[in-house]
């Protein structure tokens, strides 16, 4: 049987083993910080429109937002009239001084 000092010198320090999140020697995190699915952001939906559904405000439409509106709500944007996005209460209109479509709730 080895002495107490020799036992630990051969075995190395008494640290926890490398877990799932600590695979590289420079990575110091010991916990995964898991997030439940209900708190995760759904990347299939446009976040600016989802934010307007929850709280009132306004924002300019980007080209990718207009594509999302065309596909999701089946609305073709017109400069002449205001349009409502389904039953969300969000209005889409054209702002001529800025030359951009706006969303407002």
PDB file of N, CA and C in Angstrom:
ATOM      1  N   UNK A   1       0.836  -1.160   0.000  1.00  0.00           N
ATOM      2  CA  UNK A   1       0.000   0.000   0.000  1.00  0.00           C
ATOM      3  C   UNK A   1       0.889   1.235   0.000  1.00  0.00           C
ATOM      4  N   UNK A   2       0.501   2.226  -0.821  1.00  0.00           N
ATOM      5  CA  UNK A   2       1.275   3.453  -0.932  1.00  0.00           C
ATOM      6  C   UNK A   2       0.992   4.365   0.247  1.00  0.00           C
ATOM      7  N   UNK A   3       1.960   5.256   0.496  1.00  0.00           N
ATOM      8  CA  UNK A   3       1.735   6.240   1.549  1.00  0.00           C
ATOM      9  C   UNK A   3       0.700   7.261   1.087  1.00  0.00           C
ATOM     10  N   UNK A   4       0.168   8.010   2.025  1.00  0.00           N
ATOM     11  CA  UNK A   4      -0.867   8.994   1.739  1.00  0.00           C
ATOM     12  C   UNK A   4      -0.378  10.042   0.729  1.00  0.00           C
ATOM     13  N   UNK A   5       0.830  10.591   0.918  1.00  0.00           N
ATOM     14  CA  UNK A   5       1.372  11.618   0.042  1.00  0.00           C
ATOM     15  C   UNK A   5       1.628  11.062  -1.355  1.00  0.00           C
ATOM     16  N   UNK A   6       2.148   9.847  -1.444  1.00  0.00           N
ATOM     17  CA  UNK A   6       2.450   9.255  -2.742  1.00  0.00           C
ATOM     18  C   UNK A   6       1.164   8.916  -3.500  1.00  0.00           C
ATOM     19  N   UNK A   7       0.121   8.506  -2.798  1.00  0.00           N
ATOM     20  CA  UNK A   7      -1.144   8.153  -3.434  1.00  0.00           C
ATOM     21  C   UNK A   7      -1.712   9.345  -4.206  1.00  0.00           C
ATOM     22  N   UNK A   8      -1.707  10.531  -3.592  1.00  0.00           N
ATOM     23  CA  UNK A   8      -2.271  11.690  -4.268  1.00  0.00           C
ATOM     24  C   UNK A   8      -1.325  12.292  -5.286  1.00  0.00           C
ATOM     25  N   UNK A   9      -0.017  12.088  -5.162  1.00  0.00           N
ATOM     26  CA  UNK A   9       0.902  12.627  -6.158  1.00  0.00           C
ATOM     27  C   UNK A   9       0.816  11.821  -7.450  1.00  0.00           C
ATOM     28  N   UNK A  10       0.557  10.530  -7.366  1.00  0.00           N
ATOM     29  CA  UNK A  10       0.419   9.707  -8.561  1.00  0.00           C
ATOM     30  C   UNK A  10      -0.939   9.924  -9.241  1.00  0.00           C
ATOM     31  N   UNK A  11      -1.938  10.126  -8.438  1.00  0.00           N
ATOM     32  CA  UNK A  11      -3.298  10.220  -8.941  1.00  0.00           C
ATOM     33  C   UNK A  11      -3.609  11.598  -9.503  1.00  0.00           C
ATOM     34  N   UNK A  12      -2.953  12.627  -9.046  1.00  0.00           N
ATOM     35  CA  UNK A  12      -3.258  13.980  -9.486  1.00  0.00           C
ATOM     36  C   UNK A  12      -4.157  14.671  -8.479  1.00  0.00           C
ATOM     37  N   UNK A  13      -4.476  15.905  -8.716  1.00  0.00           N
ATOM     38  CA  UNK A  13      -5.317  16.638  -7.761  1.00  0.00           C
ATOM     39  C   UNK A  13      -6.739  16.079  -7.716  1.00  0.00           C
ATOM     40  N   UNK A  14      -7.402  16.316  -6.590  1.00  0.00           N
ATOM     41  CA  UNK A  14      -8.748  15.791  -6.406  1.00  0.00           C
ATOM     42  C   UNK A  14      -9.786  16.793  -6.913  1.00  0.00           C
ATOM     43  N   UNK A  15      -9.836  16.961  -8.196  1.00  0.00           N
ATOM     44  CA  UNK A  15     -10.820  17.846  -8.814  1.00  0.00           C
ATOM     45  C   UNK A  15     -11.902  17.008  -9.467  1.00  0.00           C
ATOM     46  N   UNK A  16     -12.998  17.643  -9.713  1.00  0.00           N
ATOM     47  CA  UNK A  16     -14.046  16.953 -10.460  1.00  0.00           C
ATOM     48  C   UNK A  16     -13.571  16.703 -11.878  1.00  0.00           C
ATOM     49  N   UNK A  17     -14.108  15.691 -12.472  1.00  0.00           N
ATOM     50  CA  UNK A  17     -13.762  15.391 -13.856  1.00  0.00           C
ATOM     51  C   UNK A  17     -14.381  16.400 -14.791  1.00  0.00           C
ATOM     52  N   UNK A  18     -13.945  16.396 -16.012  1.00  0.00           N
ATOM     53  CA  UNK A  18     -14.473  17.314 -17.000  1.00  0.00           C
ATOM     54  C   UNK A  18     -15.876  16.876 -17.369  1.00  0.00           C
ATOM     55  N   UNK A  19     -16.829  17.776 -17.184  1.00  0.00           N
ATOM     56  CA  UNK A  19     -18.212  17.475 -17.500  1.00  0.00           C
ATOM     57  C   UNK A  19     -18.516  17.752 -18.957  1.00  0.00           C
ATOM     58  N   UNK A  20     -19.801  17.751 -19.274  1.00  0.00           N
ATOM     59  CA  UNK A  20     -20.216  17.963 -20.657  1.00  0.00           C
ATOM     60  C   UNK A  20     -19.859  19.361 -21.142  1.00  0.00           C
ATOM     61  N   UNK A  21     -19.911  20.342 -20.260  1.00  0.00           N
ATOM     62  CA  UNK A  21     -19.675  21.713 -20.702  1.00  0.00           C
ATOM     63  C   UNK A  21     -18.223  22.141 -20.523  1.00  0.00           C
ATOM     64  N   UNK A  22     -17.413  21.337 -19.909  1.00  0.00           N
ATOM     65  CA  UNK A  22     -16.035  21.728 -19.642  1.00  0.00           C
ATOM     66  C   UNK A  22     -15.091  20.771 -20.361  1.00  0.00           C
ATOM     67  N   UNK A  23     -15.167  20.740 -21.694  1.00  0.00           N
ATOM     68  CA  UNK A  23     -14.362  19.787 -22.449  1.00  0.00           C
ATOM     69  C   UNK A  23     -12.999  20.341 -22.839  1.00  0.00           C
ATOM     70  N   UNK A  24     -12.862  21.641 -22.879  1.00  0.00           N
ATOM     71  CA  UNK A  24     -11.581  22.238 -23.243  1.00  0.00           C
ATOM     72  C   UNK A  24     -10.951  22.859 -22.003  1.00  0.00           C
ATOM     73  N   UNK A  25      -9.646  22.844 -21.913  1.00  0.00           N
ATOM     74  CA  UNK A  25      -8.957  23.306 -20.705  1.00  0.00           C
ATOM     75  C   UNK A  25      -9.145  24.797 -20.458  1.00  0.00           C
ATOM     76  N   UNK A  26      -9.430  25.587 -21.498  1.00  0.00           N
ATOM     77  CA  UNK A  26      -9.597  27.023 -21.287  1.00  0.00           C
ATOM     78  C   UNK A  26     -11.047  27.402 -20.989  1.00  0.00           C
ATOM     79  N   UNK A  27     -11.955  26.469 -21.106  1.00  0.00           N
ATOM     80  CA  UNK A  27     -13.381  26.742 -20.881  1.00  0.00           C
ATOM     81  C   UNK A  27     -13.704  26.458 -19.436  1.00  0.00           C
ATOM     82  N   UNK A  28     -14.113  27.470 -18.681  1.00  0.00           N
ATOM     83  CA  UNK A  28     -14.254  27.347 -17.234  1.00  0.00           C
ATOM     84  C   UNK A  28     -15.684  27.107 -16.747  1.00  0.00           C
ATOM     85  N   UNK A  29     -16.672  27.149 -17.632  1.00  0.00           N
ATOM     86  CA  UNK A  29     -18.060  27.013 -17.190  1.00  0.00           C
ATOM     87  C   UNK A  29     -18.335  25.586 -16.728  1.00  0.00           C
ATOM     88  N   UNK A  30     -18.981  25.458 -15.577  1.00  0.00           N
ATOM     89  CA  UNK A  30     -19.285  24.145 -15.023  1.00  0.00           C
ATOM     90  C   UNK A  30     -20.760  23.777 -15.170  1.00  0.00           C
ATOM     91  N   UNK A  31     -21.628  24.749 -15.512  1.00  0.00           N
ATOM     92  CA  UNK A  31     -23.054  24.483 -15.616  1.00  0.00           C
ATOM     93  C   UNK A  31     -23.536  24.848 -17.011  1.00  0.00           C
ATOM     94  N   UNK A  32     -24.592  24.210 -17.448  1.00  0.00           N
ATOM     95  CA  UNK A  32     -25.085  24.444 -18.799  1.00  0.00           C
ATOM     96  C   UNK A  32     -26.004  25.645 -18.910  1.00  0.00           C
ATOM     97  N   UNK A  33     -26.641  26.078 -17.829  1.00  0.00           N
ATOM     98  CA  UNK A  33     -27.596  27.180 -17.867  1.00  0.00           C
ATOM     99  C   UNK A  33     -28.699  26.900 -18.885  1.00  0.00           C
ATOM    100  N   UNK A  34     -29.401  25.815 -18.681  1.00  0.00           N
ATOM    101  CA  UNK A  34     -30.453  25.402 -19.603  1.00  0.00           C
ATOM    102  C   UNK A  34     -31.650  26.339 -19.519  1.00  0.00           C
ATOM    103  N   UNK A  35     -32.315  26.549 -20.647  1.00  0.00           N
ATOM    104  CA  UNK A  35     -33.478  27.419 -20.740  1.00  0.00           C
ATOM    105  C   UNK A  35     -34.658  26.582 -21.218  1.00  0.00           C
ATOM    106  N   UNK A  36     -35.814  26.774 -20.595  1.00  0.00           N
ATOM    107  CA  UNK A  36     -37.000  26.034 -20.994  1.00  0.00           C
ATOM    108  C   UNK A  36     -37.456  26.478 -22.380  1.00  0.00           C
ATOM    109  N   UNK A  37     -38.131  25.589 -23.105  1.00  0.00           N
ATOM    110  CA  UNK A  37     -38.567  25.882 -24.468  1.00  0.00           C
ATOM    111  C   UNK A  37     -39.526  27.066 -24.539  1.00  0.00           C
ATOM    112  N   UNK A  38     -40.342  27.265 -23.519  1.00  0.00           N
ATOM    113  CA  UNK A  38     -41.302  28.354 -23.584  1.00  0.00           C
ATOM    114  C   UNK A  38     -40.633  29.722 -23.499  1.00  0.00           C
ATOM    115  N   UNK A  39     -39.394  29.796 -23.051  1.00  0.00           N
ATOM    116  CA  UNK A  39     -38.672  31.063 -22.984  1.00  0.00           C
ATOM    117  C   UNK A  39     -37.745  31.278 -24.174  1.00  0.00           C
ATOM    118  N   UNK A  40     -37.582  30.273 -25.013  1.00  0.00           N
ATOM    119  CA  UNK A  40     -36.703  30.407 -26.168  1.00  0.00           C
ATOM    120  C   UNK A  40     -37.399  31.187 -27.266  1.00  0.00           C
ATOM    121  N   UNK A  41     -36.616  31.891 -28.070  1.00  0.00           N
ATOM    122  CA  UNK A  41     -37.142  32.693 -29.169  1.00  0.00           C
ATOM    123  C   UNK A  41     -37.408  31.775 -30.352  1.00  0.00           C
ATOM    124  N   UNK A  42     -38.585  31.932 -30.970  1.00  0.00           N
ATOM    125  CA  UNK A  42     -38.930  31.163 -32.163  1.00  0.00           C
ATOM    126  C   UNK A  42     -38.379  31.906 -33.374  1.00  0.00           C
ATOM    127  N   UNK A  43     -37.371  31.354 -34.031  1.00  0.00           N
ATOM    128  CA  UNK A  43     -36.707  32.037 -35.129  1.00  0.00           C
ATOM    129  C   UNK A  43     -37.478  31.945 -36.439  1.00  0.00           C
ATOM    130  N   UNK A  44     -38.572  31.180 -36.470  1.00  0.00           N
ATOM    131  CA  UNK A  44     -39.378  31.132 -37.681  1.00  0.00           C
ATOM    132  C   UNK A  44     -40.279  32.354 -37.781  1.00  0.00           C
ATOM    133  N   UNK A  45     -40.507  33.047 -36.670  1.00  0.00           N
ATOM    134  CA  UNK A  45     -41.344  34.242 -36.654  1.00  0.00           C
ATOM    135  C   UNK A  45     -40.458  35.479 -36.628  1.00  0.00           C
ATOM    136  N   UNK A  46     -40.995  36.588 -37.153  1.00  0.00           N
ATOM    137  CA  UNK A  46     -40.231  37.836 -37.162  1.00  0.00           C
ATOM    138  C   UNK A  46     -40.388  38.505 -35.804  1.00  0.00           C
ATOM    139  N   UNK A  47     -39.286  38.801 -35.132  1.00  0.00           N
ATOM    140  CA  UNK A  47     -39.317  39.255 -33.747  1.00  0.00           C
ATOM    141  C   UNK A  47     -39.900  40.657 -33.585  1.00  0.00           C
ATOM    142  N   UNK A  48     -39.739  41.531 -34.577  1.00  0.00           N
ATOM    143  CA  UNK A  48     -40.304  42.877 -34.460  1.00  0.00           C
ATOM    144  C   UNK A  48     -41.829  42.818 -34.480  1.00  0.00           C
ATOM    145  N   UNK A  49     -42.398  41.953 -35.309  1.00  0.00           N
ATOM    146  CA  UNK A  49     -43.851  41.806 -35.367  1.00  0.00           C
ATOM    147  C   UNK A  49     -44.363  41.137 -34.094  1.00  0.00           C
ATOM    148  N   UNK A  50     -43.645  40.147 -33.595  1.00  0.00           N
ATOM    149  CA  UNK A  50     -44.044  39.481 -32.349  1.00  0.00           C
ATOM    150  C   UNK A  50     -44.001  40.462 -31.177  1.00  0.00           C
ATOM    151  N   UNK A  51     -43.037  41.370 -31.170  1.00  0.00           N
ATOM    152  CA  UNK A  51     -42.942  42.378 -30.117  1.00  0.00           C
ATOM    153  C   UNK A  51     -44.116  43.343 -30.185  1.00  0.00           C
ATOM    154  N   UNK A  52     -44.529  43.710 -31.426  1.00  0.00           N
ATOM    155  CA  UNK A  52     -45.672  44.611 -31.585  1.00  0.00           C
ATOM    156  C   UNK A  52     -46.985  43.942 -31.180  1.00  0.00           C
ATOM    157  N   UNK A  53     -47.068  42.624 -31.305  1.00  0.00           N
ATOM    158  CA  UNK A  53     -48.271  41.911 -30.865  1.00  0.00           C
ATOM    159  C   UNK A  53     -48.443  42.032 -29.349  1.00  0.00           C
ATOM    160  N   UNK A  54     -47.344  42.035 -28.629  1.00  0.00           N
ATOM    161  CA  UNK A  54     -47.393  42.045 -27.164  1.00  0.00           C
ATOM    162  C   UNK A  54     -47.539  43.452 -26.583  1.00  0.00           C
ATOM    163  N   UNK A  55     -46.881  44.433 -27.193  1.00  0.00           N
ATOM    164  CA  UNK A  55     -46.920  45.786 -26.636  1.00  0.00           C
ATOM    165  C   UNK A  55     -47.051  46.804 -27.767  1.00  0.00           C
ATOM    166  N   UNK A  56     -47.761  47.910 -27.526  1.00  0.00           N
ATOM    167  CA  UNK A  56     -47.957  48.900 -28.586  1.00  0.00           C
ATOM    168  C   UNK A  56     -46.663  49.630 -28.935  1.00  0.00           C
ATOM    169  N   UNK A  57     -46.630  50.130 -30.172  1.00  0.00           N
ATOM    170  CA  UNK A  57     -45.467  50.861 -30.652  1.00  0.00           C
ATOM    171  C   UNK A  57     -45.504  50.923 -32.163  1.00  0.00           C
ATOM    172  N   UNK A  58     -44.409  51.332 -32.754  1.00  0.00           N
ATOM    173  CA  UNK A  58     -44.310  51.370 -34.208  1.00  0.00           C
ATOM    174  C   UNK A  58     -42.878  51.072 -34.611  1.00  0.00           C
ATOM    175  N   UNK A  59     -42.734  50.595 -35.847  1.00  0.00           N
ATOM    176  CA  UNK A  59     -41.392  50.311 -36.368  1.00  0.00           C
ATOM    177  C   UNK A  59     -41.443  50.334 -37.887  1.00  0.00           C
ATOM    178  N   UNK A  60     -40.338  50.690 -38.540  1.00  0.00           N
ATOM    179  CA  UNK A  60     -40.292  50.651 -40.002  1.00  0.00           C
ATOM    180  C   UNK A  60     -40.138  49.215 -40.491  1.00  0.00           C
ATOM    181  N   UNK A  61     -40.664  48.952 -41.682  1.00  0.00           N
ATOM    182  CA  UNK A  61     -40.573  47.611 -42.274  1.00  0.00           C
ATOM    183  C   UNK A  61     -39.284  47.478 -43.072  1.00  0.00           C
ATOM    184  N   UNK A  62     -38.591  46.404 -42.851  1.00  0.00           N
ATOM    185  CA  UNK A  62     -37.422  46.068 -43.648  1.00  0.00           C
ATOM    186  C   UNK A  62     -37.867  45.156 -44.790  1.00  0.00           C
ATOM    187  N   UNK A  63     -37.053  44.961 -45.823  1.00  0.00           N
ATOM    188  CA  UNK A  63     -37.450  44.068 -46.925  1.00  0.00           C
ATOM    189  C   UNK A  63     -37.756  42.634 -46.470  1.00  0.00           C
ATOM    190  N   UNK A  64     -36.985  42.108 -45.522  1.00  0.00           N
ATOM    191  CA  UNK A  64     -37.275  40.749 -45.053  1.00  0.00           C
ATOM    192  C   UNK A  64     -38.569  40.709 -44.241  1.00  0.00           C
ATOM    193  N   UNK A  65     -38.908  41.811 -43.560  1.00  0.00           N
ATOM    194  CA  UNK A  65     -40.169  41.878 -42.829  1.00  0.00           C
ATOM    195  C   UNK A  65     -41.346  41.899 -43.804  1.00  0.00           C
ATOM    196  N   UNK A  66     -41.198  42.616 -44.925  1.00  0.00           N
ATOM    197  CA  UNK A  66     -42.258  42.642 -45.932  1.00  0.00           C
ATOM    198  C   UNK A  66     -42.460  41.255 -46.555  1.00  0.00           C
ATOM    199  N   UNK A  67     -41.374  40.533 -46.785  1.00  0.00           N
ATOM    200  CA  UNK A  67     -41.499  39.157 -47.287  1.00  0.00           C
ATOM    201  C   UNK A  67     -42.215  38.266 -46.280  1.00  0.00           C
ATOM    202  N   UNK A  68     -41.897  38.428 -44.998  1.00  0.00           N
ATOM    203  CA  UNK A  68     -42.562  37.658 -43.946  1.00  0.00           C
ATOM    204  C   UNK A  68     -44.053  37.974 -43.908  1.00  0.00           C
ATOM    205  N   UNK A  69     -44.427  39.254 -44.067  1.00  0.00           N
ATOM    206  CA  UNK A  69     -45.839  39.656 -44.062  1.00  0.00           C
ATOM    207  C   UNK A  69     -46.563  39.065 -45.264  1.00  0.00           C
ATOM    208  N   UNK A  70     -45.912  39.077 -46.436  1.00  0.00           N
ATOM    209  CA  UNK A  70     -46.529  38.494 -47.632  1.00  0.00           C
ATOM    210  C   UNK A  70     -46.800  37.006 -47.446  1.00  0.00           C
ATOM    211  N   UNK A  71     -45.838  36.288 -46.888  1.00  0.00           N
ATOM    212  CA  UNK A  71     -45.985  34.835 -46.734  1.00  0.00           C
ATOM    213  C   UNK A  71     -46.943  34.467 -45.607  1.00  0.00           C
ATOM    214  N   UNK A  72     -46.852  35.150 -44.474  1.00  0.00           N
ATOM    215  CA  UNK A  72     -47.618  34.770 -43.291  1.00  0.00           C
ATOM    216  C   UNK A  72     -49.055  35.268 -43.353  1.00  0.00           C
ATOM    217  N   UNK A  73     -49.228  36.554 -43.640  1.00  0.00           N
ATOM    218  CA  UNK A  73     -50.558  37.157 -43.595  1.00  0.00           C
ATOM    219  C   UNK A  73     -51.214  37.233 -44.971  1.00  0.00           C
ATOM    220  N   UNK A  74     -50.474  36.840 -46.018  1.00  0.00           N
ATOM    221  CA  UNK A  74     -50.964  36.868 -47.398  1.00  0.00           C
ATOM    222  C   UNK A  74     -51.493  38.262 -47.772  1.00  0.00           C
ATOM    223  N   UNK A  75     -50.698  39.275 -47.458  1.00  0.00           N
ATOM    224  CA  UNK A  75     -51.029  40.667 -47.741  1.00  0.00           C
ATOM    225  C   UNK A  75     -49.973  41.231 -48.691  1.00  0.00           C
ATOM    226  N   UNK A  76     -50.434  41.877 -49.760  1.00  0.00           N
ATOM    227  CA  UNK A  76     -49.530  42.577 -50.668  1.00  0.00           C
ATOM    228  C   UNK A  76     -49.542  44.051 -50.263  1.00  0.00           C
ATOM    229  N   UNK A  77     -48.410  44.615 -49.866  1.00  0.00           N
ATOM    230  CA  UNK A  77     -48.382  46.006 -49.409  1.00  0.00           C
ATOM    231  C   UNK A  77     -48.740  46.987 -50.524  1.00  0.00           C
ATOM    232  N   UNK A  78     -49.617  47.944 -50.199  1.00  0.00           N
ATOM    233  CA  UNK A  78     -50.003  49.012 -51.121  1.00  0.00           C
ATOM    234  C   UNK A  78     -49.661  50.349 -50.475  1.00  0.00           C
ATOM    235  N   UNK A  79     -49.196  51.275 -51.285  1.00  0.00           N
ATOM    236  CA  UNK A  79     -48.861  52.603 -50.757  1.00  0.00           C
ATOM    237  C   UNK A  79     -50.111  53.442 -50.525  1.00  0.00           C
ATOM    238  N   UNK A  80     -51.219  53.074 -51.158  1.00  0.00           N
ATOM    239  CA  UNK A  80     -52.415  53.912 -51.124  1.00  0.00           C
ATOM    240  C   UNK A  80     -53.293  53.689 -49.903  1.00  0.00           C
ATOM    241  N   UNK A  81     -53.238  52.521 -49.293  1.00  0.00           N
ATOM    242  CA  UNK A  81     -54.187  52.238 -48.218  1.00  0.00           C
ATOM    243  C   UNK A  81     -53.502  51.557 -47.028  1.00  0.00           C
ATOM    244  N   UNK A  82     -54.135  51.716 -45.864  1.00  0.00           N
ATOM    245  CA  UNK A  82     -53.669  51.017 -44.668  1.00  0.00           C
ATOM    246  C   UNK A  82     -54.212  49.598 -44.689  1.00  0.00           C
ATOM    247  N   UNK A  83     -53.426  48.678 -44.146  1.00  0.00           N
ATOM    248  CA  UNK A  83     -53.848  47.283 -44.092  1.00  0.00           C
ATOM    249  C   UNK A  83     -53.614  46.750 -42.701  1.00  0.00           C
ATOM    250  N   UNK A  84     -54.500  45.881 -42.266  1.00  0.00           N
ATOM    251  CA  UNK A  84     -54.356  45.271 -40.949  1.00  0.00           C
ATOM    252  C   UNK A  84     -53.790  43.871 -41.118  1.00  0.00           C
ATOM    253  N   UNK A  85     -52.838  43.506 -40.253  1.00  0.00           N
ATOM    254  CA  UNK A  85     -52.209  42.190 -40.317  1.00  0.00           C
ATOM    255  C   UNK A  85     -53.061  41.181 -39.557  1.00  0.00           C
ATOM    256  N   UNK A  86     -53.973  40.547 -40.261  1.00  0.00           N
ATOM    257  CA  UNK A  86     -54.823  39.533 -39.644  1.00  0.00           C
ATOM    258  C   UNK A  86     -55.629  40.094 -38.498  1.00  0.00           C
ATOM    259  N   UNK A  87     -55.665  39.363 -37.378  1.00  0.00           N
ATOM    260  CA  UNK A  87     -56.394  39.800 -36.174  1.00  0.00           C
ATOM    261  C   UNK A  87     -55.442  40.304 -35.086  1.00  0.00           C
ATOM    262  N   UNK A  88     -54.243  40.705 -35.492  1.00  0.00           N
ATOM    263  CA  UNK A  88     -53.238  41.124 -34.514  1.00  0.00           C
ATOM    264  C   UNK A  88     -53.449  42.544 -34.015  1.00  0.00           C
ATOM    265  N   UNK A  89     -54.168  43.375 -34.766  1.00  0.00           N
ATOM    266  CA  UNK A  89     -54.337  44.771 -34.392  1.00  0.00           C
ATOM    267  C   UNK A  89     -53.201  45.649 -34.872  1.00  0.00           C
ATOM    268  N   UNK A  90     -52.322  45.111 -35.686  1.00  0.00           N
ATOM    269  CA  UNK A  90     -51.180  45.869 -36.217  1.00  0.00           C
ATOM    270  C   UNK A  90     -51.570  46.435 -37.577  1.00  0.00           C
ATOM    271  N   UNK A  91     -51.378  47.729 -37.766  1.00  0.00           N
ATOM    272  CA  UNK A  91     -51.653  48.385 -39.035  1.00  0.00           C
ATOM    273  C   UNK A  91     -50.357  48.593 -39.803  1.00  0.00           C
ATOM    274  N   UNK A  92     -50.423  48.353 -41.121  1.00  0.00           N
ATOM    275  CA  UNK A  92     -49.278  48.620 -41.988  1.00  0.00           C
ATOM    276  C   UNK A  92     -49.684  49.759 -42.927  1.00  0.00           C
ATOM    277  N   UNK A  93     -48.847  50.781 -42.991  1.00  0.00           N
ATOM    278  CA  UNK A  93     -49.129  51.923 -43.850  1.00  0.00           C
ATOM    279  C   UNK A  93     -47.824  52.445 -44.417  1.00  0.00           C
ATOM    280  N   UNK A  94     -47.935  53.244 -45.475  1.00  0.00           N
ATOM    281  CA  UNK A  94     -46.769  53.818 -46.133  1.00  0.00           C
ATOM    282  C   UNK A  94     -46.550  55.230 -45.618  1.00  0.00           C
ATOM    283  N   UNK A  95     -45.329  55.547 -45.262  1.00  0.00           N
ATOM    284  CA  UNK A  95     -44.972  56.881 -44.787  1.00  0.00           C
ATOM    285  C   UNK A  95     -44.166  57.561 -45.911  1.00  0.00           C
ATOM    286  N   UNK A  96     -44.805  58.504 -46.655  1.00  0.00           N
ATOM    287  CA  UNK A  96     -44.138  59.058 -47.840  1.00  0.00           C
ATOM    288  C   UNK A  96     -42.907  59.915 -47.530  1.00  0.00           C
ATOM    289  N   UNK A  97     -42.892  60.614 -46.399  1.00  0.00           N
ATOM    290  CA  UNK A  97     -41.717  61.456 -46.106  1.00  0.00           C
ATOM    291  C   UNK A  97     -40.472  60.622 -45.810  1.00  0.00           C
ATOM    292  N   UNK A  98     -40.661  59.410 -45.271  1.00  0.00           N
ATOM    293  CA  UNK A  98     -39.524  58.519 -45.024  1.00  0.00           C
ATOM    294  C   UNK A  98     -39.350  57.507 -46.154  1.00  0.00           C
ATOM    295  N   UNK A  99     -40.363  57.397 -47.038  1.00  0.00           N
ATOM    296  CA  UNK A  99     -40.354  56.431 -48.159  1.00  0.00           C
ATOM    297  C   UNK A  99     -40.178  55.000 -47.666  1.00  0.00           C
ATOM    298  N   UNK A 100     -40.988  54.670 -46.639  1.00  0.00           N
ATOM    299  CA  UNK A 100     -40.889  53.340 -46.053  1.00  0.00           C
ATOM    300  C   UNK A 100     -42.260  52.917 -45.526  1.00  0.00           C
ATOM    301  N   UNK A 101     -42.506  51.618 -45.504  1.00  0.00           N
ATOM    302  CA  UNK A 101     -43.714  51.101 -44.869  1.00  0.00           C
ATOM    303  C   UNK A 101     -43.479  51.055 -43.367  1.00  0.00           C
ATOM    304  N   UNK A 102     -44.521  51.351 -42.618  1.00  0.00           N
ATOM    305  CA  UNK A 102     -44.448  51.357 -41.154  1.00  0.00           C
ATOM    306  C   UNK A 102     -45.466  50.384 -40.588  1.00  0.00           C
ATOM    307  N   UNK A 103     -45.152  49.831 -39.429  1.00  0.00           N
ATOM    308  CA  UNK A 103     -46.089  49.014 -38.658  1.00  0.00           C
ATOM    309  C   UNK A 103     -46.413  49.756 -37.377  1.00  0.00           C
ATOM    310  N   UNK A 104     -47.706  49.767 -37.009  1.00  0.00           N
ATOM    311  CA  UNK A 104     -48.100  50.497 -35.804  1.00  0.00           C
ATOM    312  C   UNK A 104     -49.208  49.723 -35.101  1.00  0.00           C
ATOM    313  N   UNK A 105     -49.109  49.700 -33.785  1.00  0.00           N
ATOM    314  CA  UNK A 105     -50.172  49.113 -32.961  1.00  0.00           C
ATOM    315  C   UNK A 105     -50.487  50.051 -31.839  1.00  0.00           C
TER     316      UNK A 105
END
